[in-house]
Amino acid sequence: MNIQNNWIGKQHREHVDLRANISPYVIIDFNLINNTLTHWQFSLYGRNIFDTDARDAEDSDLPKDLPLQGRSFYLEAQYSF
C-alpha cells in the first residue's frame, strides 16, 4: 500500500487580478496492489479521496480558476503469461 499526501501552498495572483488568492489545500491519493495469485496482479487506485475542492490559479479569463479532478477510483487487473 502506498499513500501520497500532496500539499499545495497558497497560490498568489498577479497584481492586476483582484480575485482572492487560492488558499493552501491537501490532496491524498493511494495505491493498493495485490499480487498473491500466480500470474495475476490486482490494483486499486484512489485519487483525491477526500474530494478536496482543488483549483489551479489561472488568468482572469477563467473567473473560478481551473478545477482539478475530484474524487476518483480505478481498479486494474493484469494477467502475465
Protein backbone atom coordinates (compact mmCIF):
# COMPACT_ATOMS: atom_id res chain seq x y z
CA MET A 1 0.00 0.00 0.00
CA ASN A 2 1.24 3.46 -0.88
CA ILE A 3 -0.30 6.72 0.38
CA GLN A 4 0.68 10.03 -1.14
CA ASN A 5 -0.01 13.38 0.51
CA ASN A 6 0.16 16.37 -1.87
CA TRP A 7 0.25 19.75 -0.15
CA ILE A 8 -0.31 22.69 -2.49
CA GLY A 9 0.63 26.03 -0.96
CA LYS A 10 -1.07 29.38 -1.34
CA GLN A 11 -1.34 30.48 -4.97
CA HIS A 12 -0.83 34.20 -5.44
CA ARG A 13 -2.44 36.34 -8.13
CA GLU A 14 -0.90 38.92 -10.39
CA HIS A 15 -1.13 42.48 -9.08
CA VAL A 16 -3.87 43.42 -11.58
CA ASP A 17 -6.05 40.41 -10.66
CA LEU A 18 -8.41 41.45 -7.86
CA ARG A 19 -9.67 37.94 -7.02
CA ALA A 20 -8.65 36.41 -3.69
CA ASN A 21 -5.59 34.17 -3.60
CA ILE A 22 -6.22 30.43 -3.55
CA SER A 23 -5.69 29.03 -0.06
CA PRO A 24 -3.43 26.02 0.51
CA TYR A 25 -5.01 22.58 0.26
CA VAL A 26 -4.12 18.89 0.57
CA ILE A 27 -4.88 16.10 -1.89
CA ILE A 28 -4.46 12.49 -0.71
CA ASP A 29 -4.03 9.59 -3.16
CA PHE A 30 -3.40 5.88 -2.57
CA ASN A 31 -2.37 2.72 -4.43
CA LEU A 32 -3.14 -0.78 -3.20
CA ILE A 33 -1.56 -3.67 -5.13
CA ASN A 34 -2.18 -7.39 -4.59
CA ASN A 35 -0.08 -9.95 -6.45
CA THR A 36 -0.62 -13.03 -4.27
CA LEU A 37 -2.20 -15.09 -7.09
CA THR A 38 0.09 -16.69 -9.66
CA HIS A 39 0.12 -14.70 -12.92
CA TRP A 40 -2.41 -12.16 -11.61
CA GLN A 41 -1.99 -8.67 -10.19
CA PHE A 42 -4.89 -6.56 -8.92
CA SER A 43 -4.57 -2.85 -8.18
CA LEU A 44 -6.88 -0.27 -6.67
CA TYR A 45 -6.07 3.42 -7.06
CA GLY A 46 -7.79 6.31 -5.30
CA ARG A 47 -7.19 9.93 -6.31
CA ASN A 48 -8.24 12.94 -4.22
CA ILE A 49 -10.02 10.52 -1.88
CA PHE A 50 -11.44 13.26 0.37
CA ASP A 51 -12.81 15.14 -2.68
CA THR A 52 -10.92 18.36 -1.93
CA ASP A 53 -12.09 21.37 -3.97
CA ALA A 54 -8.73 21.81 -5.71
CA ARG A 55 -8.16 24.60 -8.21
CA ASP A 56 -5.22 25.86 -10.21
CA ALA A 57 -4.87 29.64 -10.36
CA GLU A 58 -5.40 30.88 -13.90
CA ASP A 59 -5.61 34.28 -15.51
CA SER A 60 -8.77 36.35 -15.22
CA ASP A 61 -10.34 34.71 -18.32
CA LEU A 62 -11.50 31.87 -16.03
CA PRO A 63 -13.42 33.55 -13.20
CA LYS A 64 -13.36 30.49 -10.90
CA ASP A 65 -9.91 29.20 -11.95
CA LEU A 66 -9.20 25.76 -13.35
CA PRO A 67 -10.86 22.99 -11.30
CA LEU A 68 -8.78 19.87 -10.78
CA GLN A 69 -10.07 16.30 -10.75
CA GLY A 70 -12.38 15.37 -7.88
CA ARG A 71 -12.52 12.02 -6.10
CA SER A 72 -11.96 9.03 -8.36
CA PHE A 73 -11.16 5.33 -8.03
CA TYR A 74 -9.63 2.93 -10.55
CA LEU A 75 -9.46 -0.86 -10.48
CA GLU A 76 -6.94 -2.73 -12.62
CA ALA A 77 -6.37 -6.43 -13.28
CA GLN A 78 -3.28 -7.76 -15.06
CA TYR A 79 -2.56 -11.29 -16.20
CA SER A 80 1.00 -12.26 -17.12
CA PHE A 81 1.90 -15.37 -19.08
